[in-house]
Amino acid sequence: MSPSKKEQSATTTRALLAVAVEMFADRGFGAVGLDDVAKQSGLTRGAVYHHFGSKAGLFDAVVDQVQREVAERVSDAAAGAGNLWDALVEGCHEFVRAGSDPRIHRIMLIDAPAVLGWQRWRELDAANSGRLLQEVLDELQAEGTIGPGLAAPAAHLLSGAMNEAVLWVAQSETPDRDRDSALATLDRLLGSLRQG
């Protein structure tokens, strides 16, 4: 494929993903057809198949993109912290804030596990936000801020707790208040890991 065809293909892929993210976020996986995505993108159904192979293939790419967007937000929040501990706290807070966005939580936490299956969902999470969480916990363990042997189980426990918190906040009648409550409780959980 020539560079210009590669660029054109990449542009088409980005355009399809942008439309698909919005459609899956607004309607949910079950209510979106490839014809809808193609029409909204100004392309043919064949173009969607060419780039993604199937509706499931398109959704997998959408979930991957949303996971990467959340991981980027988490990374940016952590990068602004003054030390590793604050990076952990800020990154966790940003995950909860990002996941509370209806566009994100519907795709990432409701439809993705059901459509892609638990294993694929875990792979995408582990490659993105899960990786960042594990890295900072490993560093905190290496410097002695958290005890030996705690980094791996803490990463899984915190990930599960944050995902559940996001789902809870998303269904709340008072989401701002409950998100603040979830973040305060998360701070207490995080604090229990800290030595000294």
Protein backbone atom coordinates (compact mmCIF):
# COMPACT_ATOMS: atom_id res chain seq x y z
CA MET A 1 0.00 0.00 0.00
CA SER A 2 1.43 3.38 -0.98
CA PRO A 3 1.88 6.08 1.68
CA SER A 4 -1.05 8.08 0.30
CA LYS A 5 -3.34 5.01 0.39
CA LYS A 6 -2.16 4.26 3.94
CA GLU A 7 -2.93 7.83 4.97
CA GLN A 8 -6.34 7.66 3.30
CA SER A 9 -7.06 4.33 5.02
CA ALA A 10 -6.00 5.74 8.40
CA THR A 11 -8.19 8.81 7.87
CA THR A 12 -11.19 6.62 6.98
CA THR A 13 -10.55 4.41 10.01
CA ARG A 14 -10.42 7.43 12.33
CA ALA A 15 -13.62 8.84 10.84
CA LEU A 16 -15.46 5.54 11.24
CA LEU A 17 -14.25 5.18 14.82
CA ALA A 18 -15.32 8.72 15.73
CA VAL A 19 -18.83 8.09 14.43
CA ALA A 20 -19.02 4.62 15.96
CA VAL A 21 -17.90 5.83 19.41
CA GLU A 22 -20.71 8.38 19.49
CA MET A 23 -23.32 5.95 18.18
CA PHE A 24 -22.38 3.12 20.56
CA ALA A 25 -22.25 5.57 23.47
CA ASP A 26 -25.66 7.06 22.65
CA ARG A 27 -27.56 3.90 21.69
CA GLY A 28 -25.62 0.94 23.05
CA PHE A 29 -24.14 -1.92 21.05
CA GLY A 30 -27.40 -3.72 20.35
CA ALA A 31 -29.14 -0.71 18.81
CA VAL A 32 -26.39 0.21 16.32
CA GLY A 33 -26.10 -1.44 12.91
CA LEU A 34 -23.22 -1.25 10.46
CA ASP A 35 -25.53 0.37 7.94
CA ASP A 36 -26.18 3.14 10.49
CA VAL A 37 -22.45 3.69 11.04
CA ALA A 38 -21.76 3.67 7.30
CA LYS A 39 -24.56 6.13 6.56
CA GLN A 40 -23.56 8.48 9.37
CA SER A 41 -19.94 8.34 8.14
CA GLY A 42 -20.88 8.97 4.53
CA LEU A 43 -19.38 5.61 3.56
CA THR A 44 -20.67 2.25 2.41
CA ARG A 45 -21.28 -0.81 4.57
CA GLY A 46 -18.53 -2.47 2.53
CA ALA A 47 -16.07 0.19 3.68
CA VAL A 48 -16.91 -0.57 7.29
CA TYR A 49 -16.41 -4.31 6.66
CA HIS A 50 -13.16 -3.60 4.85
CA HIS A 51 -11.71 -1.72 7.81
CA PHE A 52 -13.14 -3.74 10.71
CA GLY A 53 -14.45 -7.06 9.38
CA SER A 54 -17.66 -7.06 11.40
CA LYS A 55 -19.74 -5.13 13.90
CA ALA A 56 -17.87 -6.92 16.70
CA GLY A 57 -14.56 -5.93 15.09
CA LEU A 58 -15.67 -2.31 14.93
CA PHE A 59 -16.81 -2.40 18.55
CA ASP A 60 -13.50 -3.95 19.65
CA ALA A 61 -11.69 -1.03 18.00
CA VAL A 62 -14.08 1.43 19.67
CA VAL A 63 -13.47 -0.10 23.11
CA ASP A 64 -9.72 -0.03 22.51
CA GLN A 65 -9.89 3.65 21.57
CA VAL A 66 -12.02 4.55 24.60
CA GLN A 67 -9.69 2.57 26.89
CA ARG A 68 -6.70 4.45 25.43
CA GLU A 69 -8.46 7.82 25.91
CA VAL A 70 -9.15 7.02 29.56
CA ALA A 71 -5.57 5.84 30.09
CA GLU A 72 -4.30 9.09 28.56
CA ARG A 73 -6.46 11.11 30.94
CA VAL A 74 -5.22 9.04 33.88
CA SER A 75 -1.61 9.43 32.76
CA ASP A 76 -1.97 13.20 32.33
CA ALA A 77 -3.51 13.56 35.80
CA ALA A 78 -0.76 11.45 37.38
CA ALA A 79 1.98 13.36 35.54
CA GLY A 80 0.90 16.58 37.25
CA ALA A 81 1.46 15.12 40.73
CA GLY A 82 4.47 16.03 42.83
CA ASN A 83 5.36 12.48 43.92
CA LEU A 84 4.50 8.85 43.27
CA TRP A 85 1.85 8.64 45.97
CA ASP A 86 0.04 11.70 44.67
CA ALA A 87 0.36 10.26 41.15
CA LEU A 88 -1.49 7.14 42.33
CA VAL A 89 -4.23 9.18 43.99
CA GLU A 90 -4.65 11.62 41.08
CA GLY A 91 -4.64 8.81 38.53
CA CYS A 92 -7.28 6.86 40.45
CA HIS A 93 -9.42 9.96 40.85
CA GLU A 94 -9.21 10.70 37.15
CA PHE A 95 -10.22 7.13 36.28
CA VAL A 96 -13.38 7.53 38.38
CA ARG A 97 -14.11 10.95 36.87
CA ALA A 98 -13.49 9.72 33.31
CA GLY A 99 -15.50 6.56 33.80
CA SER A 100 -18.41 8.58 35.17
CA ASP A 101 -18.83 10.13 31.73
CA PRO A 102 -21.90 8.33 30.27
CA ARG A 103 -20.17 8.10 26.88
CA ILE A 104 -17.31 6.17 28.43
CA HIS A 105 -18.98 3.99 31.02
CA ARG A 106 -21.59 2.61 28.63
CA ILE A 107 -18.98 1.48 26.13
CA MET A 108 -16.19 0.50 28.49
CA LEU A 109 -17.98 -0.98 31.48
CA ILE A 110 -21.44 -2.05 30.34
CA ASP A 111 -21.31 -3.20 26.72
CA ALA A 112 -17.64 -4.17 26.39
CA PRO A 113 -17.58 -7.10 28.85
CA ALA A 114 -20.87 -8.44 27.44
CA VAL A 115 -19.98 -8.06 23.76
CA LEU A 116 -16.25 -8.78 23.74
CA GLY A 117 -16.21 -11.27 26.58
CA TRP A 118 -14.48 -11.01 29.91
CA GLN A 119 -11.06 -12.14 28.65
CA ARG A 120 -10.83 -9.58 25.84
CA TRP A 121 -12.15 -6.84 28.12
CA ARG A 122 -9.45 -7.68 30.69
CA GLU A 123 -6.76 -7.62 27.97
CA LEU A 124 -7.78 -4.13 26.88
CA ASP A 125 -7.99 -2.89 30.46
CA ALA A 126 -4.62 -4.44 31.34
CA ALA A 127 -2.99 -2.77 28.33
CA ASN A 128 -4.30 0.66 29.31
CA SER A 129 -5.46 1.92 32.72
CA GLY A 130 -4.65 -1.37 34.39
CA ARG A 131 -1.06 -1.12 33.18
CA LEU A 132 -0.68 2.39 34.56
CA LEU A 133 -2.11 1.36 37.93
CA GLN A 134 0.19 -1.66 38.15
CA GLU A 135 3.24 0.42 37.21
CA VAL A 136 2.71 3.06 39.88
CA LEU A 137 1.95 0.43 42.53
CA ASP A 138 5.12 -1.48 41.57
CA GLU A 139 7.14 1.73 41.94
CA LEU A 140 5.54 2.52 45.30
CA GLN A 141 6.33 -1.00 46.47
CA ALA A 142 9.94 -0.71 45.27
CA GLU A 143 10.44 2.52 47.21
CA GLY A 144 8.81 1.02 50.32
CA THR A 145 5.71 3.22 50.39
CA ILE A 146 3.52 0.12 50.24
CA GLY A 147 4.48 -3.23 51.72
CA PRO A 148 6.17 -6.07 49.87
CA GLY A 149 3.86 -8.30 47.87
CA LEU A 150 0.97 -5.82 47.85
CA ALA A 151 1.33 -4.24 44.40
CA ALA A 152 -0.24 -7.03 42.33
CA PRO A 153 -3.27 -7.79 44.51
CA ALA A 154 -3.82 -4.08 45.17
CA ALA A 155 -3.93 -3.39 41.44
CA HIS A 156 -6.70 -5.95 40.94
CA LEU A 157 -8.66 -4.91 44.01
CA LEU A 158 -8.43 -1.19 43.22
CA SER A 159 -9.35 -1.76 39.59
CA GLY A 160 -12.45 -3.70 40.58
CA ALA A 161 -13.41 -1.14 43.22
CA MET A 162 -13.04 1.77 40.80
CA ASN A 163 -15.02 0.04 38.05
CA GLU A 164 -17.84 -0.69 40.49
CA ALA A 165 -17.74 2.88 41.81
CA VAL A 166 -18.10 4.22 38.27
CA LEU A 167 -21.10 1.97 37.60
CA TRP A 168 -22.68 3.04 40.90
CA VAL A 169 -22.17 6.75 40.17
CA ALA A 170 -23.52 6.30 36.64
CA GLN A 171 -26.83 4.98 37.99
CA SER A 172 -27.10 7.45 40.83
CA GLU A 173 -29.81 10.09 41.11
CA THR A 174 -27.17 12.36 42.71
CA PRO A 175 -24.07 11.58 40.65
CA ASP A 176 -21.93 14.54 41.72
CA ARG A 177 -22.47 13.87 45.41
CA ASP A 178 -21.97 10.13 45.02
CA ARG A 179 -18.83 10.60 42.91
CA ASP A 180 -17.38 12.82 45.66
CA SER A 181 -18.32 10.19 48.22
CA ALA A 182 -16.74 7.44 46.11
CA LEU A 183 -13.51 9.47 45.77
CA ALA A 184 -13.34 10.11 49.52
CA THR A 185 -13.84 6.40 50.20
CA LEU A 186 -11.25 5.53 47.57
CA ASP A 187 -8.77 7.80 49.36
CA ARG A 188 -9.32 5.80 52.54
CA LEU A 189 -8.76 2.54 50.67
CA LEU A 190 -5.58 3.89 49.13
CA GLY A 191 -4.40 5.21 52.48
CA SER A 192 -4.72 1.74 54.01
CA LEU A 193 -2.00 0.51 51.62
CA ARG A 194 0.53 3.11 52.76
CA GLN A 195 3.21 2.12 55.24
CA GLY A 196 4.26 4.47 58.02
